[in-house]
Amino acid sequence: MLWDKIQIILNKKHWSLVRLAKESNVNYETLKKYKFAGQEPSFSKACKIADALGISLDELR
């Protein structure tokens, strides 16, 4: 998953990382690792992020 794609969607929705954490139920610190350390999320967390953003997992690929 490329964080750039997530960031584009966050910008369009005017969401912060904190908002994504709340909407996806993925810990804020975990999202920071994905964004800043380049870590890849597990399948279940990727699903939560995609669901919160209203997109399919394919769109994150």
N, C-alpha and C. Protein backbone atom coordinates (compact mmCIF):
# COMPACT_ATOMS: atom_id res chain seq x y z
N MET A 1 0.85 -1.17 0.00
CA MET A 1 0.00 0.00 0.00
C MET A 1 0.89 1.23 0.00
N LEU A 2 0.56 2.16 -0.80
CA LEU A 2 1.32 3.40 -0.86
C LEU A 2 0.62 4.48 -0.06
N TRP A 3 1.36 5.06 0.85
CA TRP A 3 0.76 6.09 1.69
C TRP A 3 0.33 7.29 0.86
N ASP A 4 1.01 7.53 -0.25
CA ASP A 4 0.65 8.67 -1.10
C ASP A 4 -0.81 8.62 -1.52
N LYS A 5 -1.29 7.44 -1.84
CA LYS A 5 -2.69 7.29 -2.25
C LYS A 5 -3.63 7.62 -1.10
N ILE A 6 -3.28 7.15 0.10
CA ILE A 6 -4.10 7.46 1.27
C ILE A 6 -4.09 8.96 1.53
N GLN A 7 -2.93 9.57 1.42
CA GLN A 7 -2.81 11.01 1.69
C GLN A 7 -3.66 11.83 0.72
N ILE A 8 -3.70 11.43 -0.54
CA ILE A 8 -4.53 12.13 -1.52
C ILE A 8 -6.00 12.09 -1.10
N ILE A 9 -6.45 10.92 -0.67
CA ILE A 9 -7.85 10.78 -0.24
C ILE A 9 -8.10 11.58 1.03
N LEU A 10 -7.16 11.54 1.96
CA LEU A 10 -7.31 12.33 3.18
C LEU A 10 -7.42 13.82 2.85
N ASN A 11 -6.61 14.28 1.93
CA ASN A 11 -6.66 15.68 1.53
C ASN A 11 -8.01 16.04 0.91
N LYS A 12 -8.52 15.15 0.07
CA LYS A 12 -9.81 15.41 -0.57
C LYS A 12 -10.94 15.48 0.46
N LYS A 13 -10.84 14.64 1.49
CA LYS A 13 -11.87 14.60 2.53
C LYS A 13 -11.63 15.65 3.62
N HIS A 14 -10.46 16.31 3.57
CA HIS A 14 -10.06 17.27 4.60
C HIS A 14 -9.97 16.59 5.96
N TRP A 15 -9.41 15.37 5.95
CA TRP A 15 -9.23 14.59 7.17
C TRP A 15 -7.78 14.66 7.61
N SER A 16 -7.58 14.66 8.90
CA SER A 16 -6.25 14.54 9.48
C SER A 16 -5.97 13.07 9.78
N LEU A 17 -4.77 12.81 10.19
CA LEU A 17 -4.41 11.45 10.60
C LEU A 17 -5.21 11.05 11.84
N VAL A 18 -5.49 12.00 12.70
CA VAL A 18 -6.29 11.74 13.90
C VAL A 18 -7.70 11.31 13.49
N ARG A 19 -8.26 12.00 12.52
CA ARG A 19 -9.61 11.65 12.04
C ARG A 19 -9.62 10.25 11.44
N LEU A 20 -8.61 9.93 10.65
CA LEU A 20 -8.52 8.59 10.07
C LEU A 20 -8.43 7.54 11.17
N ALA A 21 -7.68 7.82 12.20
CA ALA A 21 -7.56 6.89 13.32
C ALA A 21 -8.93 6.64 13.95
N LYS A 22 -9.69 7.70 14.15
CA LYS A 22 -11.02 7.57 14.76
C LYS A 22 -11.98 6.82 13.85
N GLU A 23 -11.97 7.17 12.57
CA GLU A 23 -12.91 6.57 11.62
C GLU A 23 -12.59 5.11 11.33
N SER A 24 -11.30 4.77 11.33
CA SER A 24 -10.89 3.40 10.97
C SER A 24 -10.72 2.49 12.17
N ASN A 25 -10.67 3.09 13.35
CA ASN A 25 -10.39 2.32 14.57
C ASN A 25 -9.01 1.67 14.52
N VAL A 26 -8.08 2.37 13.86
CA VAL A 26 -6.67 1.96 13.84
C VAL A 26 -5.93 2.99 14.67
N ASN A 27 -5.12 2.53 15.59
CA ASN A 27 -4.39 3.40 16.51
C ASN A 27 -3.61 4.48 15.75
N TYR A 28 -3.67 5.69 16.27
CA TYR A 28 -2.97 6.83 15.67
C TYR A 28 -1.48 6.56 15.51
N GLU A 29 -0.85 6.01 16.54
CA GLU A 29 0.59 5.73 16.49
C GLU A 29 0.90 4.70 15.40
N THR A 30 0.01 3.76 15.20
CA THR A 30 0.18 2.76 14.15
C THR A 30 0.11 3.42 12.78
N LEU A 31 -0.84 4.33 12.60
CA LEU A 31 -0.95 5.05 11.33
C LEU A 31 0.30 5.89 11.07
N LYS A 32 0.86 6.47 12.11
CA LYS A 32 2.09 7.25 11.95
C LYS A 32 3.23 6.36 11.46
N LYS A 33 3.28 5.12 11.93
CA LYS A 33 4.32 4.19 11.46
C LYS A 33 4.15 3.90 9.97
N TYR A 34 2.91 3.78 9.54
CA TYR A 34 2.65 3.54 8.12
C TYR A 34 3.08 4.74 7.30
N LYS A 35 2.77 5.92 7.80
CA LYS A 35 3.04 7.13 7.04
C LYS A 35 4.52 7.51 7.06
N PHE A 36 5.12 7.51 8.23
CA PHE A 36 6.47 8.04 8.35
C PHE A 36 7.59 7.00 8.33
N ALA A 37 7.29 5.78 8.73
CA ALA A 37 8.33 4.75 8.75
C ALA A 37 8.20 3.77 7.60
N GLY A 38 7.16 3.93 6.81
CA GLY A 38 6.99 3.07 5.65
C GLY A 38 6.57 1.64 5.95
N GLN A 39 6.09 1.40 7.15
CA GLN A 39 5.62 0.06 7.49
C GLN A 39 4.34 -0.24 6.73
N GLU A 40 4.14 -1.50 6.42
CA GLU A 40 2.93 -1.93 5.72
C GLU A 40 1.92 -2.47 6.73
N PRO A 41 0.66 -2.14 6.56
CA PRO A 41 -0.37 -2.63 7.50
C PRO A 41 -0.71 -4.09 7.25
N SER A 42 -1.23 -4.72 8.27
CA SER A 42 -1.75 -6.08 8.11
C SER A 42 -2.99 -6.01 7.23
N PHE A 43 -3.43 -7.14 6.77
CA PHE A 43 -4.63 -7.19 5.92
C PHE A 43 -5.83 -6.59 6.64
N SER A 44 -6.01 -6.96 7.90
CA SER A 44 -7.18 -6.48 8.64
C SER A 44 -7.14 -4.96 8.83
N LYS A 45 -5.97 -4.40 9.08
CA LYS A 45 -5.87 -2.95 9.24
C LYS A 45 -6.03 -2.24 7.90
N ALA A 46 -5.53 -2.83 6.84
CA ALA A 46 -5.73 -2.25 5.51
C ALA A 46 -7.22 -2.22 5.18
N CYS A 47 -7.94 -3.26 5.55
CA CYS A 47 -9.39 -3.30 5.33
C CYS A 47 -10.08 -2.19 6.12
N LYS A 48 -9.68 -1.99 7.36
CA LYS A 48 -10.27 -0.94 8.19
C LYS A 48 -10.03 0.44 7.60
N ILE A 49 -8.81 0.65 7.12
CA ILE A 49 -8.48 1.95 6.52
C ILE A 49 -9.29 2.17 5.25
N ALA A 50 -9.35 1.16 4.40
CA ALA A 50 -10.11 1.27 3.16
C ALA A 50 -11.59 1.53 3.44
N ASP A 51 -12.14 0.81 4.40
CA ASP A 51 -13.55 0.99 4.76
C ASP A 51 -13.80 2.42 5.26
N ALA A 52 -12.92 2.91 6.10
CA ALA A 52 -13.09 4.26 6.64
C ALA A 52 -13.02 5.30 5.54
N LEU A 53 -12.19 5.06 4.55
CA LEU A 53 -12.04 6.01 3.45
C LEU A 53 -13.10 5.84 2.38
N GLY A 54 -13.85 4.74 2.47
CA GLY A 54 -14.90 4.49 1.49
C GLY A 54 -14.37 4.05 0.14
N ILE A 55 -13.24 3.31 0.17
CA ILE A 55 -12.64 2.82 -1.07
C ILE A 55 -12.41 1.32 -0.96
N SER A 56 -12.08 0.70 -2.08
CA SER A 56 -11.78 -0.73 -2.06
C SER A 56 -10.30 -0.93 -1.78
N LEU A 57 -9.95 -2.13 -1.37
CA LEU A 57 -8.55 -2.46 -1.16
C LEU A 57 -7.75 -2.32 -2.45
N ASP A 58 -8.37 -2.62 -3.57
CA ASP A 58 -7.69 -2.49 -4.86
C ASP A 58 -7.20 -1.07 -5.11
N GLU A 59 -7.94 -0.10 -4.62
CA GLU A 59 -7.55 1.28 -4.81
C GLU A 59 -6.30 1.65 -4.01
N LEU A 60 -5.99 0.87 -2.99
CA LEU A 60 -4.79 1.14 -2.19
C LEU A 60 -3.55 0.50 -2.78
N ARG A 61 -3.75 -0.35 -3.77
CA ARG A 61 -2.62 -1.05 -4.38
C ARG A 61 -1.92 -0.20 -5.40
